């Protein structure tokens, strides 16, 4: 794997993301994560999974340079193929028969937060790390299930507030509204995550898998339709002038002025 490392640690698997500088999700990285998760599901000896970064950022989001290139060349079909693969990858992650923990040691924005939301638990370091779904600032929509999974976790009103305004949250703010399971100090974070993963790995695996499926059943029936809507709405906005303005402004580190076309 070029962008991922997988470590087997006494019944738990660590999936370490390491695409420098900020783990921006491109087509290749998503494809690697897809294959790694399929392999983990097939391994009966793995009883818990940790998703974490080997860099100072968890996942900054989609690769905006890639998205800007696709938008400029009007490669909507390729963009939707990337989005579909990302949706399928996060579905595999959410539906893993093993419990999953996202260790958010740095910024988790856009697709990075969508990745974390597909895990059972999210543990986040205090201090400077922030999370959010700021796609509105690019003239885009969260397309990989973030709107649906976040609504399941914190409700419609709070989700609208965060996404409409493109807000980002500190670990403490995210914990207060229920996005984060636990806030940990950077010096102790990994040790706390490992301890939790070991405890989960010691539970009865067949029972734990059944409990997970039962808890998720209601939300996942609605998610399937929601992901199709994500594809439709993302295709609409991707070809807009606003998306072009948003991508260019982001890459040029300036504020966008949207036209509504």
C-alpha atoms as a PDB file:
ATOM      1  CA  UNK A   1       0.000   0.000   0.000  1.00  0.00           C
ATOM      2  CA  UNK A   2       1.288   3.449  -0.938  1.00  0.00           C
ATOM      3  CA  UNK A   3      -0.828   5.590   1.374  1.00  0.00           C
ATOM      4  CA  UNK A   4      -1.796   3.181   4.177  1.00  0.00           C
ATOM      5  CA  UNK A   5      -0.093   0.944   6.688  1.00  0.00           C
ATOM      6  CA  UNK A   6      -1.864  -1.874   8.532  1.00  0.00           C
ATOM      7  CA  UNK A   7      -0.549  -3.184  11.855  1.00  0.00           C
ATOM      8  CA  UNK A   8      -1.795  -6.298  13.639  1.00  0.00           C
ATOM      9  CA  UNK A   9      -1.687  -5.719  17.385  1.00  0.00           C
ATOM     10  CA  UNK A  10      -2.945  -8.617  19.497  1.00  0.00           C
ATOM     11  CA  UNK A  11      -6.343  -9.066  17.870  1.00  0.00           C
ATOM     12  CA  UNK A  12      -6.811  -5.488  16.760  1.00  0.00           C
ATOM     13  CA  UNK A  13      -5.881  -3.899  13.452  1.00  0.00           C
ATOM     14  CA  UNK A  14      -4.479  -0.400  13.154  1.00  0.00           C
ATOM     15  CA  UNK A  15      -5.143   1.250   9.792  1.00  0.00           C
ATOM     16  CA  UNK A  16      -2.674   4.145   9.620  1.00  0.00           C
ATOM     17  CA  UNK A  17      -3.298   6.835   6.999  1.00  0.00           C
ATOM     18  CA  UNK A  18      -0.147   8.480   5.685  1.00  0.00           C
ATOM     19  CA  UNK A  19      -0.578  10.418   2.467  1.00  0.00           C
ATOM     20  CA  UNK A  20       1.517  13.526   3.066  1.00  0.00           C
ATOM     21  CA  UNK A  21       1.008  16.285   3.813  1.00  0.00           C
ATOM     22  CA  UNK A  22      -2.592  16.131   5.115  1.00  0.00           C
ATOM     23  CA  UNK A  23      -4.067  12.759   4.036  1.00  0.00           C
ATOM     24  CA  UNK A  24      -6.178  14.375   1.314  1.00  0.00           C
ATOM     25  CA  UNK A  25      -8.409  11.645  -0.106  1.00  0.00           C
ATOM     26  CA  UNK A  26      -7.662  10.992  -3.770  1.00  0.00           C
ATOM     27  CA  UNK A  27      -8.809   8.096  -5.945  1.00  0.00           C
ATOM     28  CA  UNK A  28      -5.782   5.937  -5.170  1.00  0.00           C
ATOM     29  CA  UNK A  29      -6.022   6.362  -1.394  1.00  0.00           C
ATOM     30  CA  UNK A  30      -9.748   5.580  -1.372  1.00  0.00           C
ATOM     31  CA  UNK A  31      -9.138   2.428  -3.448  1.00  0.00           C
ATOM     32  CA  UNK A  32      -6.450   1.296  -1.007  1.00  0.00           C
ATOM     33  CA  UNK A  33      -8.706   1.863   1.997  1.00  0.00           C
ATOM     34  CA  UNK A  34     -11.488  -0.090   0.267  1.00  0.00           C
ATOM     35  CA  UNK A  35      -9.238  -3.116  -0.226  1.00  0.00           C
ATOM     36  CA  UNK A  36      -7.796  -2.941   3.300  1.00  0.00           C
ATOM     37  CA  UNK A  37     -11.250  -2.894   4.891  1.00  0.00           C
ATOM     38  CA  UNK A  38     -12.409  -5.862   2.800  1.00  0.00           C
ATOM     39  CA  UNK A  39      -9.337  -7.792   3.930  1.00  0.00           C
ATOM     40  CA  UNK A  40      -9.946  -6.892   7.583  1.00  0.00           C
ATOM     41  CA  UNK A  41     -13.553  -8.086   7.399  1.00  0.00           C
ATOM     42  CA  UNK A  42     -12.378 -11.474   6.139  1.00  0.00           C
ATOM     43  CA  UNK A  43      -9.839 -11.909   8.952  1.00  0.00           C
ATOM     44  CA  UNK A  44     -11.557 -13.701  11.842  1.00  0.00           C
ATOM     45  CA  UNK A  45      -8.634 -13.099  14.193  1.00  0.00           C
ATOM     46  CA  UNK A  46      -9.146  -9.326  14.005  1.00  0.00           C
ATOM     47  CA  UNK A  47     -11.680  -8.305  16.634  1.00  0.00           C
ATOM     48  CA  UNK A  48     -11.316  -4.513  16.753  1.00  0.00           C
ATOM     49  CA  UNK A  49     -10.154  -1.828  14.309  1.00  0.00           C
ATOM     50  CA  UNK A  50      -8.488   1.541  14.852  1.00  0.00           C
ATOM     51  CA  UNK A  51      -8.414   4.120  12.057  1.00  0.00           C
ATOM     52  CA  UNK A  52      -5.762   6.749  12.691  1.00  0.00           C
ATOM     53  CA  UNK A  53      -3.272   9.007  10.981  1.00  0.00           C
ATOM     54  CA  UNK A  54       0.485   8.796  10.924  1.00  0.00           C
ATOM     55  CA  UNK A  55       0.616  12.541  10.230  1.00  0.00           C
ATOM     56  CA  UNK A  56      -0.293  15.622  12.255  1.00  0.00           C
ATOM     57  CA  UNK A  57      -3.646  15.849  10.420  1.00  0.00           C
ATOM     58  CA  UNK A  58      -6.279  13.088  10.546  1.00  0.00           C
ATOM     59  CA  UNK A  59      -7.784  13.687   7.070  1.00  0.00           C
ATOM     60  CA  UNK A  60      -8.115  17.167   5.591  1.00  0.00           C
ATOM     61  CA  UNK A  61     -10.898  16.004   3.247  1.00  0.00           C
ATOM     62  CA  UNK A  62     -11.059  15.286  -0.458  1.00  0.00           C
ATOM     63  CA  UNK A  63      -8.047  16.183  -2.591  1.00  0.00           C
ATOM     64  CA  UNK A  64      -9.172  19.655  -3.709  1.00  0.00           C
ATOM     65  CA  UNK A  65      -6.525  19.924  -6.419  1.00  0.00           C
ATOM     66  CA  UNK A  66      -7.873  16.686  -7.917  1.00  0.00           C
ATOM     67  CA  UNK A  67     -11.456  17.941  -7.616  1.00  0.00           C
ATOM     68  CA  UNK A  68     -10.571  21.287  -9.205  1.00  0.00           C
ATOM     69  CA  UNK A  69      -8.893  19.504 -12.122  1.00  0.00           C
ATOM     70  CA  UNK A  70     -11.947  17.295 -12.639  1.00  0.00           C
ATOM     71  CA  UNK A  71     -14.293  20.289 -12.398  1.00  0.00           C
ATOM     72  CA  UNK A  72     -12.246  22.412 -14.799  1.00  0.00           C
ATOM     73  CA  UNK A  73     -12.193  19.578 -17.339  1.00  0.00           C
ATOM     74  CA  UNK A  74     -15.877  18.811 -16.655  1.00  0.00           C
ATOM     75  CA  UNK A  75     -15.067  15.184 -15.839  1.00  0.00           C
ATOM     76  CA  UNK A  76     -18.272  14.731 -13.886  1.00  0.00           C
ATOM     77  CA  UNK A  77     -18.432  11.001 -14.590  1.00  0.00           C
ATOM     78  CA  UNK A  78     -14.987  10.427 -13.125  1.00  0.00           C
ATOM     79  CA  UNK A  79     -15.844  12.562 -10.104  1.00  0.00           C
ATOM     80  CA  UNK A  80     -19.021  10.553  -9.494  1.00  0.00           C
ATOM     81  CA  UNK A  81     -17.006   7.342  -9.826  1.00  0.00           C
ATOM     82  CA  UNK A  82     -14.646   8.613  -7.122  1.00  0.00           C
ATOM     83  CA  UNK A  83     -17.585   9.616  -4.932  1.00  0.00           C
ATOM     84  CA  UNK A  84     -19.304   6.251  -5.410  1.00  0.00           C
ATOM     85  CA  UNK A  85     -16.110   4.416  -4.429  1.00  0.00           C
ATOM     86  CA  UNK A  86     -15.788   6.603  -1.333  1.00  0.00           C
ATOM     87  CA  UNK A  87     -19.411   5.898  -0.400  1.00  0.00           C
ATOM     88  CA  UNK A  88     -18.860   2.152  -0.837  1.00  0.00           C
ATOM     89  CA  UNK A  89     -15.674   2.300   1.241  1.00  0.00           C
ATOM     90  CA  UNK A  90     -17.395   4.100   4.113  1.00  0.00           C
ATOM     91  CA  UNK A  91     -20.307   1.645   3.901  1.00  0.00           C
ATOM     92  CA  UNK A  92     -17.853  -1.238   4.316  1.00  0.00           C
ATOM     93  CA  UNK A  93     -16.304   0.556   7.292  1.00  0.00           C
ATOM     94  CA  UNK A  94     -19.680   1.184   8.927  1.00  0.00           C
ATOM     95  CA  UNK A  95     -20.815  -2.388   8.307  1.00  0.00           C
ATOM     96  CA  UNK A  96     -17.667  -4.131   9.516  1.00  0.00           C
ATOM     97  CA  UNK A  97     -18.571  -6.961  11.862  1.00  0.00           C
ATOM     98  CA  UNK A  98     -15.817  -5.730  14.202  1.00  0.00           C
ATOM     99  CA  UNK A  99     -16.060  -2.590  16.379  1.00  0.00           C
ATOM    100  CA  UNK A 100     -14.219   0.434  14.980  1.00  0.00           C
ATOM    101  CA  UNK A 101     -12.585   3.474  16.562  1.00  0.00           C
ATOM    102  CA  UNK A 102     -11.483   6.631  14.752  1.00  0.00           C
ATOM    103  CA  UNK A 103      -8.595   8.307  16.577  1.00  0.00           C
ATOM    104  CA  UNK A 104      -8.757  11.941  15.436  1.00  0.00           C
ATOM    105  CA  UNK A 105      -5.325  13.352  16.235  1.00  0.00           C
ATOM    106  CA  UNK A 106      -5.649  16.416  13.993  1.00  0.00           C
ATOM    107  CA  UNK A 107      -8.080  18.177  11.662  1.00  0.00           C
ATOM    108  CA  UNK A 108     -10.859  15.977  10.227  1.00  0.00           C
ATOM    109  CA  UNK A 109     -12.669  18.054   7.637  1.00  0.00           C
ATOM    110  CA  UNK A 110     -15.146  17.105   4.905  1.00  0.00           C
ATOM    111  CA  UNK A 111     -14.401  13.551   3.810  1.00  0.00           C
ATOM    112  CA  UNK A 112     -12.204  13.157   6.884  1.00  0.00           C
ATOM    113  CA  UNK A 113     -15.132  13.665   9.217  1.00  0.00           C
ATOM    114  CA  UNK A 114     -17.321  11.488   6.964  1.00  0.00           C
ATOM    115  CA  UNK A 115     -14.719   8.738   7.417  1.00  0.00           C
ATOM    116  CA  UNK A 116     -14.788   9.135  11.196  1.00  0.00           C
ATOM    117  CA  UNK A 117     -18.597   9.185  11.281  1.00  0.00           C
ATOM    118  CA  UNK A 118     -18.636   5.711   9.705  1.00  0.00           C
ATOM    119  CA  UNK A 119     -16.804   4.348  12.768  1.00  0.00           C
ATOM    120  CA  UNK A 120     -18.521   3.165  15.942  1.00  0.00           C
ATOM    121  CA  UNK A 121     -16.524   5.502  18.162  1.00  0.00           C
ATOM    122  CA  UNK A 122     -14.639   8.756  17.628  1.00  0.00           C
ATOM    123  CA  UNK A 123     -11.901   9.772  20.045  1.00  0.00           C
ATOM    124  CA  UNK A 124     -10.324  13.180  19.499  1.00  0.00           C
ATOM    125  CA  UNK A 125      -7.329  14.977  20.910  1.00  0.00           C
ATOM    126  CA  UNK A 126      -7.785  18.235  22.771  1.00  0.00           C
ATOM    127  CA  UNK A 127      -5.996  21.473  21.848  1.00  0.00           C
ATOM    128  CA  UNK A 128      -5.836  22.485  18.150  1.00  0.00           C
ATOM    129  CA  UNK A 129      -7.634  19.716  16.224  1.00  0.00           C
ATOM    130  CA  UNK A 130     -10.958  20.668  14.622  1.00  0.00           C
ATOM    131  CA  UNK A 131     -13.680  18.791  12.751  1.00  0.00           C
ATOM    132  CA  UNK A 132     -16.385  19.910  10.332  1.00  0.00           C
ATOM    133  CA  UNK A 133     -18.172  19.531   7.008  1.00  0.00           C
ATOM    134  CA  UNK A 134     -17.236  22.842   5.330  1.00  0.00           C
ATOM    135  CA  UNK A 135     -18.148  21.891   1.735  1.00  0.00           C
ATOM    136  CA  UNK A 136     -20.551  24.847   1.490  1.00  0.00           C
ATOM    137  CA  UNK A 137     -17.486  27.109   1.391  1.00  0.00           C
ATOM    138  CA  UNK A 138     -16.435  25.343  -1.818  1.00  0.00           C
ATOM    139  CA  UNK A 139     -19.886  25.643  -3.360  1.00  0.00           C
ATOM    140  CA  UNK A 140     -20.254  21.889  -2.848  1.00  0.00           C
ATOM    141  CA  UNK A 141     -22.243  19.417  -0.747  1.00  0.00           C
ATOM    142  CA  UNK A 142     -20.939  16.650   1.558  1.00  0.00           C
ATOM    143  CA  UNK A 143     -21.348  13.680  -0.778  1.00  0.00           C
ATOM    144  CA  UNK A 144     -20.162  10.592   1.091  1.00  0.00           C
ATOM    145  CA  UNK A 145     -22.902  10.231   3.674  1.00  0.00           C
ATOM    146  CA  UNK A 146     -21.886  12.943   6.121  1.00  0.00           C
ATOM    147  CA  UNK A 147     -25.251  14.698   6.120  1.00  0.00           C
ATOM    148  CA  UNK A 148     -27.072  11.459   6.919  1.00  0.00           C
ATOM    149  CA  UNK A 149     -24.672   9.963   9.463  1.00  0.00           C
ATOM    150  CA  UNK A 150     -24.240  13.249  11.296  1.00  0.00           C
ATOM    151  CA  UNK A 151     -28.016  13.755  11.466  1.00  0.00           C
ATOM    152  CA  UNK A 152     -28.389  10.290  12.999  1.00  0.00           C
ATOM    153  CA  UNK A 153     -25.847  11.202  15.666  1.00  0.00           C
ATOM    154  CA  UNK A 154     -26.763  14.786  16.643  1.00  0.00           C
ATOM    155  CA  UNK A 155     -30.145  15.482  15.026  1.00  0.00           C
ATOM    156  CA  UNK A 156     -31.361  17.620  12.165  1.00  0.00           C
ATOM    157  CA  UNK A 157     -31.151  21.083  13.738  1.00  0.00           C
ATOM    158  CA  UNK A 158     -27.530  20.854  14.878  1.00  0.00           C
ATOM    159  CA  UNK A 159     -26.492  19.220  11.612  1.00  0.00           C
ATOM    160  CA  UNK A 160     -28.011  22.068   9.601  1.00  0.00           C
ATOM    161  CA  UNK A 161     -26.297  24.616  11.818  1.00  0.00           C
ATOM    162  CA  UNK A 162     -22.882  23.041  11.288  1.00  0.00           C
ATOM    163  CA  UNK A 163     -23.184  22.374   7.555  1.00  0.00           C
ATOM    164  CA  UNK A 164     -25.110  25.482   6.436  1.00  0.00           C
ATOM    165  CA  UNK A 165     -22.490  27.745   8.023  1.00  0.00           C
ATOM    166  CA  UNK A 166     -19.505  25.476   7.351  1.00  0.00           C
ATOM    167  CA  UNK A 167     -18.585  25.580  11.033  1.00  0.00           C
ATOM    168  CA  UNK A 168     -15.681  23.680  12.518  1.00  0.00           C
ATOM    169  CA  UNK A 169     -15.620  22.434  16.097  1.00  0.00           C
ATOM    170  CA  UNK A 170     -12.974  21.848  18.727  1.00  0.00           C
ATOM    171  CA  UNK A 171     -12.822  18.472  20.445  1.00  0.00           C
ATOM    172  CA  UNK A 172     -14.636  19.855  23.480  1.00  0.00           C
ATOM    173  CA  UNK A 173     -17.407  21.411  21.355  1.00  0.00           C
ATOM    174  CA  UNK A 174     -17.821  18.196  19.361  1.00  0.00           C
ATOM    175  CA  UNK A 175     -17.998  16.170  22.574  1.00  0.00           C
ATOM    176  CA  UNK A 176     -20.679  18.407  24.067  1.00  0.00           C
ATOM    177  CA  UNK A 177     -23.071  17.740  21.160  1.00  0.00           C
ATOM    178  CA  UNK A 178     -22.277  14.048  20.888  1.00  0.00           C
ATOM    179  CA  UNK A 179     -20.110  13.754  17.774  1.00  0.00           C
ATOM    180  CA  UNK A 180     -17.073  12.690  19.771  1.00  0.00           C
ATOM    181  CA  UNK A 181     -17.111   9.777  22.197  1.00  0.00           C
ATOM    182  CA  UNK A 182     -14.160  10.954  24.274  1.00  0.00           C
ATOM    183  CA  UNK A 183     -11.670  13.824  24.360  1.00  0.00           C
ATOM    184  CA  UNK A 184      -8.106  12.727  25.101  1.00  0.00           C
ATOM    185  CA  UNK A 185      -4.844  14.516  25.744  1.00  0.00           C
ATOM    186  CA  UNK A 186      -2.350  14.177  22.859  1.00  0.00           C
ATOM    187  CA  UNK A 187       0.258  12.564  25.122  1.00  0.00           C
ATOM    188  CA  UNK A 188      -2.181   9.891  26.302  1.00  0.00           C
ATOM    189  CA  UNK A 189      -4.514   9.530  23.312  1.00  0.00           C
ATOM    190  CA  UNK A 190      -3.090   6.417  21.692  1.00  0.00           C
ATOM    191  CA  UNK A 191      -2.820   4.590  25.001  1.00  0.00           C
ATOM    192  CA  UNK A 192      -6.492   5.325  25.737  1.00  0.00           C
ATOM    193  CA  UNK A 193      -7.512   4.177  22.252  1.00  0.00           C
ATOM    194  CA  UNK A 194      -5.499   0.955  22.543  1.00  0.00           C
ATOM    195  CA  UNK A 195      -7.054   0.199  25.919  1.00  0.00           C
ATOM    196  CA  UNK A 196     -10.560   0.677  24.536  1.00  0.00           C
ATOM    197  CA  UNK A 197      -9.778  -1.469  21.473  1.00  0.00           C
ATOM    198  CA  UNK A 198      -8.364  -4.264  23.659  1.00  0.00           C
ATOM    199  CA  UNK A 199     -11.502  -4.223  25.808  1.00  0.00           C
ATOM    200  CA  UNK A 200     -13.678  -4.483  22.708  1.00  0.00           C
ATOM    201  CA  UNK A 201     -11.509  -7.286  21.313  1.00  0.00           C
ATOM    202  CA  UNK A 202     -12.166  -9.297  24.468  1.00  0.00           C
ATOM    203  CA  UNK A 203     -15.960  -9.206  24.048  1.00  0.00           C
ATOM    204  CA  UNK A 204     -17.859 -12.113  22.478  1.00  0.00           C
ATOM    205  CA  UNK A 205     -17.346 -11.402  18.753  1.00  0.00           C
ATOM    206  CA  UNK A 206     -20.514 -13.048  17.421  1.00  0.00           C
ATOM    207  CA  UNK A 207     -22.715 -11.306  19.974  1.00  0.00           C
ATOM    208  CA  UNK A 208     -20.976  -7.969  19.449  1.00  0.00           C
ATOM    209  CA  UNK A 209     -21.446  -8.210  15.683  1.00  0.00           C
ATOM    210  CA  UNK A 210     -25.157  -8.968  16.115  1.00  0.00           C
ATOM    211  CA  UNK A 211     -25.625  -6.081  18.536  1.00  0.00           C
ATOM    212  CA  UNK A 212     -23.918  -3.737  16.093  1.00  0.00           C
ATOM    213  CA  UNK A 213     -26.192  -4.811  13.237  1.00  0.00           C
ATOM    214  CA  UNK A 214     -29.314  -4.336  15.364  1.00  0.00           C
ATOM    215  CA  UNK A 215     -28.315  -0.854  16.533  1.00  0.00           C
ATOM    216  CA  UNK A 216     -27.501   0.289  13.000  1.00  0.00           C
ATOM    217  CA  UNK A 217     -30.435  -1.342  11.187  1.00  0.00           C
ATOM    218  CA  UNK A 218     -32.921   1.537  11.264  1.00  0.00           C
ATOM    219  CA  UNK A 219     -30.461   4.218  10.254  1.00  0.00           C
ATOM    220  CA  UNK A 220     -28.929   2.187   7.459  1.00  0.00           C
ATOM    221  CA  UNK A 221     -32.234   1.582   5.701  1.00  0.00           C
ATOM    222  CA  UNK A 222     -32.572   5.337   5.265  1.00  0.00           C
ATOM    223  CA  UNK A 223     -28.879   5.773   4.446  1.00  0.00           C
ATOM    224  CA  UNK A 224     -29.065   3.809   1.190  1.00  0.00           C
ATOM    225  CA  UNK A 225     -31.612   6.238  -0.269  1.00  0.00           C
ATOM    226  CA  UNK A 226     -29.683   9.166   1.160  1.00  0.00           C
ATOM    227  CA  UNK A 227     -26.469   8.165  -0.586  1.00  0.00           C
ATOM    228  CA  UNK A 228     -28.274   8.076  -3.935  1.00  0.00           C
ATOM    229  CA  UNK A 229     -29.489  11.602  -3.233  1.00  0.00           C
ATOM    230  CA  UNK A 230     -25.899  12.604  -2.436  1.00  0.00           C
ATOM    231  CA  UNK A 231     -24.852  11.467  -5.909  1.00  0.00           C
ATOM    232  CA  UNK A 232     -27.645  13.445  -7.597  1.00  0.00           C
ATOM    233  CA  UNK A 233     -27.076  16.658  -5.652  1.00  0.00           C
ATOM    234  CA  UNK A 234     -23.291  16.483  -5.928  1.00  0.00           C
ATOM    235  CA  UNK A 235     -23.526  16.039  -9.701  1.00  0.00           C
ATOM    236  CA  UNK A 236     -25.690  19.186  -9.885  1.00  0.00           C
ATOM    237  CA  UNK A 237     -23.388  21.417  -7.874  1.00  0.00           C
ATOM    238  CA  UNK A 238     -20.141  20.020  -9.317  1.00  0.00           C
ATOM    239  CA  UNK A 239     -20.878  21.451 -12.757  1.00  0.00           C
ATOM    240  CA  UNK A 240     -21.876  24.875 -11.398  1.00  0.00           C
ATOM    241  CA  UNK A 241     -19.907  28.090 -11.681  1.00  0.00           C
ATOM    242  CA  UNK A 242     -20.005  28.312  -7.883  1.00  0.00           C
ATOM    243  CA  UNK A 243     -18.023  25.070  -7.571  1.00  0.00           C
ATOM    244  CA  UNK A 244     -15.400  26.447  -9.940  1.00  0.00           C
ATOM    245  CA  UNK A 245     -15.213  29.630  -7.876  1.00  0.00           C
ATOM    246  CA  UNK A 246     -15.030  27.670  -4.617  1.00  0.00           C
ATOM    247  CA  UNK A 247     -12.228  25.342  -5.694  1.00  0.00           C
ATOM    248  CA  UNK A 248     -10.146  28.161  -7.168  1.00  0.00           C
ATOM    249  CA  UNK A 249     -10.598  30.342  -4.079  1.00  0.00           C
ATOM    250  CA  UNK A 250      -9.554  27.479  -1.809  1.00  0.00           C
ATOM    251  CA  UNK A 251      -6.395  26.758  -3.794  1.00  0.00           C
ATOM    252  CA  UNK A 252      -5.561  30.479  -3.946  1.00  0.00           C
ATOM    253  CA  UNK A 253      -6.246  30.860  -0.185  1.00  0.00           C
ATOM    254  CA  UNK A 254      -8.881  33.581  -0.529  1.00  0.00           C
ATOM    255  CA  UNK A 255     -12.574  33.923   0.254  1.00  0.00           C
ATOM    256  CA  UNK A 256     -14.963  32.901  -2.546  1.00  0.00           C
ATOM    257  CA  UNK A 257     -17.655  35.221  -3.919  1.00  0.00           C
ATOM    258  CA  UNK A 258     -20.419  32.952  -5.138  1.00  0.00           C
ATOM    259  CA  UNK A 259     -22.770  33.890  -7.998  1.00  0.00           C
ATOM    260  CA  UNK A 260     -25.547  31.356  -7.538  1.00  0.00           C
ATOM    261  CA  UNK A 261     -25.069  29.848 -11.010  1.00  0.00           C
END
